[in-house]
N, C-alpha and C. Protein backbone atom coordinates (compact mmCIF):
# COMPACT_ATOMS: atom_id res chain seq x y z
N UNK A 1 -9.13 145.94 227.43
CA UNK A 1 -8.89 145.94 228.87
C UNK A 1 -8.27 144.60 229.25
N UNK A 2 -7.18 144.59 229.98
CA UNK A 2 -6.54 143.34 230.37
C UNK A 2 -7.41 142.55 231.35
N UNK A 3 -7.28 141.24 231.28
CA UNK A 3 -8.01 140.35 232.18
C UNK A 3 -7.41 140.44 233.57
N UNK A 4 -8.27 140.51 234.57
CA UNK A 4 -7.81 140.56 235.97
C UNK A 4 -8.11 139.22 236.62
N UNK A 5 -7.08 138.58 237.14
CA UNK A 5 -7.26 137.31 237.83
C UNK A 5 -7.88 137.53 239.20
N UNK A 6 -8.57 136.53 239.69
CA UNK A 6 -9.16 136.55 241.03
C UNK A 6 -8.02 136.41 242.04
N UNK A 7 -7.88 137.40 242.92
CA UNK A 7 -6.81 137.38 243.91
C UNK A 7 -7.32 137.14 245.33
N UNK A 8 -8.57 136.83 245.48
CA UNK A 8 -9.11 136.58 246.82
C UNK A 8 -8.54 135.28 247.37
N UNK A 9 -8.33 135.25 248.65
CA UNK A 9 -7.87 134.02 249.28
C UNK A 9 -8.96 132.96 249.21
N UNK A 10 -10.21 133.39 249.33
CA UNK A 10 -11.35 132.48 249.28
C UNK A 10 -12.29 132.98 248.19
N UNK A 11 -12.14 132.48 246.97
CA UNK A 11 -12.94 132.98 245.84
C UNK A 11 -14.44 132.84 246.06
N UNK A 12 -15.18 133.78 245.51
CA UNK A 12 -16.63 133.77 245.58
C UNK A 12 -17.19 132.76 244.59
N UNK A 13 -18.36 132.24 244.91
CA UNK A 13 -19.11 131.38 244.01
C UNK A 13 -20.54 131.87 244.00
N UNK A 14 -21.25 131.64 242.91
CA UNK A 14 -22.65 132.09 242.87
C UNK A 14 -23.43 131.45 244.02
N UNK A 15 -24.37 132.20 244.57
CA UNK A 15 -25.20 131.67 245.65
C UNK A 15 -26.13 130.61 245.07
N UNK A 16 -26.31 129.49 245.76
CA UNK A 16 -27.26 128.49 245.27
C UNK A 16 -28.68 129.05 245.27
N UNK A 17 -29.50 128.56 244.38
CA UNK A 17 -30.90 128.99 244.33
C UNK A 17 -31.57 128.66 245.65
N UNK A 18 -32.31 129.60 246.18
CA UNK A 18 -33.06 129.36 247.41
C UNK A 18 -32.40 129.87 248.68
N UNK A 19 -31.19 130.45 248.58
CA UNK A 19 -30.56 131.03 249.78
C UNK A 19 -31.35 132.27 250.18
N UNK A 20 -31.68 132.38 251.46
CA UNK A 20 -32.41 133.55 251.97
C UNK A 20 -31.62 134.15 253.13
N UNK A 21 -31.52 135.47 253.17
CA UNK A 21 -30.78 136.17 254.21
C UNK A 21 -31.68 137.17 254.92
N UNK A 22 -31.53 137.23 256.23
CA UNK A 22 -32.16 138.27 257.03
C UNK A 22 -31.03 138.96 257.77
N UNK A 23 -31.01 140.28 257.74
CA UNK A 23 -29.92 141.04 258.33
C UNK A 23 -30.46 142.13 259.24
N UNK A 24 -29.72 142.36 260.34
CA UNK A 24 -30.02 143.47 261.24
C UNK A 24 -28.68 144.03 261.72
N UNK A 25 -28.51 145.36 261.70
CA UNK A 25 -27.29 145.91 262.30
C UNK A 25 -27.17 145.39 263.73
N UNK A 26 -25.98 144.99 264.10
CA UNK A 26 -25.78 144.28 265.38
C UNK A 26 -26.23 145.08 266.59
N UNK A 27 -26.06 146.38 266.58
CA UNK A 27 -26.41 147.17 267.76
C UNK A 27 -27.71 147.94 267.55
N UNK A 28 -28.56 147.44 266.67
CA UNK A 28 -29.84 148.11 266.40
C UNK A 28 -30.79 147.89 267.56
N UNK A 29 -31.69 148.82 267.73
CA UNK A 29 -32.71 148.67 268.76
C UNK A 29 -33.69 147.57 268.41
N UNK A 30 -34.39 147.07 269.40
CA UNK A 30 -35.35 145.99 269.20
C UNK A 30 -36.47 146.39 268.24
N UNK A 31 -36.73 147.68 268.12
CA UNK A 31 -37.81 148.13 267.25
C UNK A 31 -37.38 148.25 265.79
N UNK A 32 -36.07 148.10 265.50
CA UNK A 32 -35.61 148.20 264.11
C UNK A 32 -35.91 146.91 263.37
N UNK A 33 -36.58 147.05 262.25
CA UNK A 33 -36.98 145.90 261.46
C UNK A 33 -35.78 145.28 260.74
N UNK A 34 -35.75 143.95 260.67
CA UNK A 34 -34.70 143.25 259.95
C UNK A 34 -34.93 143.40 258.45
N UNK A 35 -33.85 143.34 257.67
CA UNK A 35 -33.92 143.42 256.22
C UNK A 35 -33.82 142.02 255.62
N UNK A 36 -34.60 141.76 254.60
CA UNK A 36 -34.52 140.50 253.86
C UNK A 36 -33.76 140.81 252.58
N UNK A 37 -32.63 140.12 252.36
CA UNK A 37 -31.71 140.46 251.28
C UNK A 37 -31.59 139.33 250.26
N UNK A 38 -31.19 139.72 249.07
CA UNK A 38 -30.86 138.78 248.02
C UNK A 38 -29.36 138.51 248.10
N UNK A 39 -28.99 137.24 248.21
CA UNK A 39 -27.58 136.86 248.23
C UNK A 39 -27.11 136.66 246.79
N UNK A 40 -26.08 137.38 246.40
CA UNK A 40 -25.57 137.32 245.03
C UNK A 40 -24.46 136.27 244.90
N UNK A 41 -23.56 136.24 245.87
CA UNK A 41 -22.47 135.28 245.85
C UNK A 41 -22.00 135.04 247.28
N UNK A 42 -21.20 134.00 247.44
CA UNK A 42 -20.72 133.66 248.78
C UNK A 42 -19.34 133.03 248.70
N UNK A 43 -18.67 133.06 249.82
CA UNK A 43 -17.38 132.39 249.97
C UNK A 43 -17.25 131.95 251.43
N UNK A 44 -16.14 131.33 251.73
CA UNK A 44 -15.91 130.88 253.11
C UNK A 44 -15.93 132.06 254.08
N UNK A 45 -15.48 133.23 253.63
CA UNK A 45 -15.32 134.36 254.55
C UNK A 45 -16.21 135.55 254.26
N UNK A 46 -17.15 135.43 253.32
CA UNK A 46 -17.98 136.59 253.03
C UNK A 46 -19.16 136.31 252.14
N UNK A 47 -20.01 137.33 252.03
CA UNK A 47 -21.22 137.27 251.22
C UNK A 47 -21.33 138.54 250.39
N UNK A 48 -21.80 138.41 249.17
CA UNK A 48 -22.16 139.55 248.35
C UNK A 48 -23.67 139.63 248.32
N UNK A 49 -24.24 140.78 248.63
CA UNK A 49 -25.69 140.92 248.75
C UNK A 49 -26.19 142.15 248.00
N UNK A 50 -27.48 142.15 247.70
CA UNK A 50 -28.17 143.33 247.17
C UNK A 50 -28.94 143.95 248.33
N UNK A 51 -28.89 145.28 248.42
CA UNK A 51 -29.53 146.00 249.52
C UNK A 51 -30.62 146.91 248.99
N UNK A 52 -31.68 147.15 249.76
CA UNK A 52 -32.72 148.09 249.33
C UNK A 52 -32.30 149.55 249.49
N UNK A 53 -31.29 149.82 250.32
CA UNK A 53 -30.79 151.18 250.54
C UNK A 53 -29.32 151.08 250.94
N UNK A 54 -28.60 152.20 250.96
CA UNK A 54 -27.18 152.12 251.32
C UNK A 54 -27.00 151.73 252.79
N UNK A 55 -25.88 151.11 253.06
CA UNK A 55 -25.48 150.79 254.43
C UNK A 55 -24.01 151.17 254.56
N UNK A 56 -23.64 151.76 255.65
CA UNK A 56 -22.27 152.28 255.82
C UNK A 56 -21.27 151.14 256.00
N UNK A 57 -20.13 151.23 255.30
CA UNK A 57 -19.05 150.28 255.58
C UNK A 57 -18.67 150.36 257.06
N UNK A 58 -18.16 149.28 257.57
CA UNK A 58 -17.77 149.11 258.98
C UNK A 58 -18.98 148.93 259.91
N UNK A 59 -20.19 148.78 259.35
CA UNK A 59 -21.36 148.48 260.18
C UNK A 59 -21.31 147.00 260.55
N UNK A 60 -21.35 146.70 261.84
CA UNK A 60 -21.42 145.31 262.30
C UNK A 60 -22.85 144.83 262.14
N UNK A 61 -22.99 143.59 261.63
CA UNK A 61 -24.33 143.06 261.35
C UNK A 61 -24.48 141.65 261.88
N UNK A 62 -25.73 141.28 262.12
CA UNK A 62 -26.12 139.91 262.43
C UNK A 62 -26.88 139.39 261.23
N UNK A 63 -26.63 138.14 260.86
CA UNK A 63 -27.28 137.53 259.71
C UNK A 63 -27.90 136.20 260.10
N UNK A 64 -29.03 135.92 259.51
CA UNK A 64 -29.64 134.60 259.61
C UNK A 64 -29.72 134.09 258.18
N UNK A 65 -29.01 132.98 257.91
CA UNK A 65 -28.90 132.45 256.56
C UNK A 65 -29.66 131.14 256.47
N UNK A 66 -30.63 131.11 255.57
CA UNK A 66 -31.41 129.91 255.29
C UNK A 66 -30.85 129.29 254.02
N UNK A 67 -30.32 128.09 254.12
CA UNK A 67 -29.75 127.40 252.97
C UNK A 67 -30.76 126.39 252.43
N UNK A 68 -30.81 126.21 251.11
CA UNK A 68 -31.84 125.35 250.54
C UNK A 68 -31.78 123.90 251.02
N UNK A 69 -30.58 123.38 251.28
CA UNK A 69 -30.46 121.97 251.70
C UNK A 69 -30.57 121.80 253.21
N UNK A 70 -30.72 122.87 253.93
CA UNK A 70 -30.72 122.86 255.39
C UNK A 70 -32.16 122.75 255.91
N UNK A 71 -32.35 121.89 256.87
CA UNK A 71 -33.65 121.83 257.53
C UNK A 71 -33.47 122.38 258.94
N UNK A 72 -34.51 122.94 259.49
CA UNK A 72 -34.42 123.48 260.84
C UNK A 72 -34.05 124.94 260.86
N UNK A 73 -33.38 125.33 261.92
CA UNK A 73 -33.07 126.74 262.16
C UNK A 73 -32.03 127.26 261.17
N UNK A 74 -32.09 128.56 260.85
CA UNK A 74 -31.07 129.15 259.97
C UNK A 74 -29.74 129.26 260.70
N UNK A 75 -28.67 129.43 259.93
CA UNK A 75 -27.37 129.70 260.53
C UNK A 75 -27.35 131.14 261.02
N UNK A 76 -26.85 131.35 262.21
CA UNK A 76 -26.77 132.68 262.80
C UNK A 76 -25.32 133.12 262.70
N UNK A 77 -25.06 134.12 261.85
CA UNK A 77 -23.71 134.59 261.58
C UNK A 77 -23.56 136.05 261.95
N UNK A 78 -22.32 136.47 262.12
CA UNK A 78 -21.98 137.85 262.42
C UNK A 78 -20.96 138.32 261.38
N UNK A 79 -20.99 139.59 261.07
CA UNK A 79 -20.04 140.11 260.10
C UNK A 79 -19.98 141.62 260.14
N UNK A 80 -19.22 142.16 259.20
CA UNK A 80 -19.05 143.60 259.07
C UNK A 80 -19.17 143.97 257.59
N UNK A 81 -19.92 145.03 257.32
CA UNK A 81 -20.05 145.51 255.95
C UNK A 81 -18.69 146.03 255.51
N UNK A 82 -18.14 145.43 254.46
CA UNK A 82 -16.82 145.82 253.96
C UNK A 82 -16.91 146.95 252.95
N UNK A 83 -17.96 146.94 252.13
CA UNK A 83 -18.14 147.98 251.12
C UNK A 83 -19.61 148.03 250.73
N UNK A 84 -20.01 149.16 250.17
CA UNK A 84 -21.37 149.33 249.67
C UNK A 84 -21.30 150.29 248.50
N UNK A 85 -21.93 149.94 247.38
CA UNK A 85 -21.92 150.78 246.19
C UNK A 85 -23.19 150.51 245.40
N UNK A 86 -23.48 151.39 244.45
CA UNK A 86 -24.70 151.25 243.65
C UNK A 86 -24.38 151.20 242.16
N UNK A 87 -23.68 150.16 241.70
CA UNK A 87 -23.44 150.07 240.26
C UNK A 87 -24.77 149.82 239.55
N UNK A 88 -24.97 150.51 238.48
CA UNK A 88 -26.19 150.36 237.68
C UNK A 88 -27.45 150.67 238.48
N UNK A 89 -27.33 151.49 239.53
CA UNK A 89 -28.50 151.94 240.26
C UNK A 89 -29.05 151.02 241.33
N UNK A 90 -28.42 149.87 241.57
CA UNK A 90 -28.89 148.95 242.61
C UNK A 90 -27.80 148.83 243.68
N UNK A 91 -28.20 149.03 244.95
CA UNK A 91 -27.22 148.96 246.04
C UNK A 91 -26.75 147.52 246.23
N UNK A 92 -25.44 147.37 246.32
CA UNK A 92 -24.81 146.08 246.60
C UNK A 92 -23.81 146.29 247.71
N UNK A 93 -23.55 145.22 248.45
CA UNK A 93 -22.59 145.31 249.55
C UNK A 93 -21.85 143.99 249.70
N UNK A 94 -20.67 144.07 250.26
CA UNK A 94 -19.90 142.89 250.63
C UNK A 94 -19.85 142.82 252.14
N UNK A 95 -20.11 141.64 252.67
CA UNK A 95 -20.09 141.44 254.12
C UNK A 95 -18.99 140.45 254.47
N UNK A 96 -18.03 140.88 255.27
CA UNK A 96 -16.96 140.01 255.75
C UNK A 96 -17.46 139.31 257.00
N UNK A 97 -17.44 137.98 256.99
CA UNK A 97 -17.96 137.20 258.11
C UNK A 97 -16.94 137.04 259.23
N UNK A 98 -17.42 137.04 260.46
CA UNK A 98 -16.61 136.75 261.64
C UNK A 98 -16.88 135.29 261.99
N UNK A 99 -15.99 134.41 261.56
CA UNK A 99 -16.21 132.97 261.72
C UNK A 99 -16.00 132.48 263.15
N UNK A 100 -15.55 133.35 264.03
CA UNK A 100 -15.34 132.99 265.44
C UNK A 100 -16.62 133.12 266.26
N UNK A 101 -17.66 133.68 265.68
CA UNK A 101 -18.90 133.94 266.42
C UNK A 101 -20.06 133.16 265.81
N UNK A 102 -21.08 132.93 266.63
CA UNK A 102 -22.30 132.30 266.16
C UNK A 102 -22.03 130.95 265.50
N UNK A 103 -22.66 130.75 264.34
CA UNK A 103 -22.50 129.49 263.60
C UNK A 103 -21.39 129.58 262.55
N UNK A 104 -20.39 130.44 262.81
CA UNK A 104 -19.29 130.61 261.87
C UNK A 104 -18.56 129.31 261.55
N UNK A 105 -18.38 128.45 262.54
CA UNK A 105 -17.70 127.18 262.31
C UNK A 105 -18.50 126.27 261.40
N UNK A 106 -19.80 126.27 261.53
CA UNK A 106 -20.67 125.46 260.67
C UNK A 106 -20.60 125.99 259.23
N UNK A 107 -20.64 127.33 259.10
CA UNK A 107 -20.53 127.95 257.77
C UNK A 107 -19.20 127.58 257.13
N UNK A 108 -18.12 127.73 257.87
CA UNK A 108 -16.78 127.45 257.36
C UNK A 108 -16.64 126.01 256.91
N UNK A 109 -17.25 125.07 257.64
CA UNK A 109 -17.16 123.65 257.31
C UNK A 109 -17.78 123.35 255.94
N UNK A 110 -18.74 124.18 255.51
CA UNK A 110 -19.36 123.99 254.19
C UNK A 110 -18.36 124.15 253.06
N UNK A 111 -17.24 124.82 253.32
CA UNK A 111 -16.25 125.12 252.29
C UNK A 111 -14.99 124.27 252.43
N UNK A 112 -15.04 123.24 253.27
CA UNK A 112 -13.89 122.34 253.44
C UNK A 112 -13.64 121.60 252.12
N UNK A 113 -12.37 121.29 251.82
CA UNK A 113 -12.08 120.54 250.58
C UNK A 113 -12.90 119.25 250.53
N UNK A 114 -13.45 118.98 249.36
CA UNK A 114 -14.24 117.77 249.17
C UNK A 114 -15.71 117.92 249.52
N UNK A 115 -16.11 119.08 250.07
CA UNK A 115 -17.51 119.31 250.41
C UNK A 115 -18.21 119.85 249.15
N UNK A 116 -19.34 119.25 248.75
CA UNK A 116 -20.03 119.78 247.57
C UNK A 116 -20.54 121.18 247.82
N UNK A 117 -20.57 122.05 246.77
CA UNK A 117 -21.02 123.44 246.95
C UNK A 117 -22.47 123.53 247.34
C-alpha cells in the first residue's frame, strides 16, 4: 500500500497526557447530561475524540477542555462534529472547532509558531 502524506492544513498531534473533555450538543436541553470524552489527538482547528455512542455529523457541540498545564477554568470551545465512525468497534469522531466563538482565540494561540506543544 502506498504511503499517504498528511494533507491537512493544520496537522494533528497526539493529545498531551491529562487532557480532559466535556461535551454537550449545543442545542441540548438543560436536562441532557454532558459527556466526558477521551481526546485522541488535536490540532489548531480540531479534535479527535473517542465517543461512548455514535453522534451524527453536523451536530453543533459545546466543549470544555481541561489542559494539564492550565490552572483555573477550562477553555470553553464550540465546534461541529465532522465525522463519526467505529473502526475496530470503538466510536471515534472528529470535531471541527469554531475559533471565532468562546475561547477559540486562546486555543488558537497555543498553536502559534514557537509555542511549545
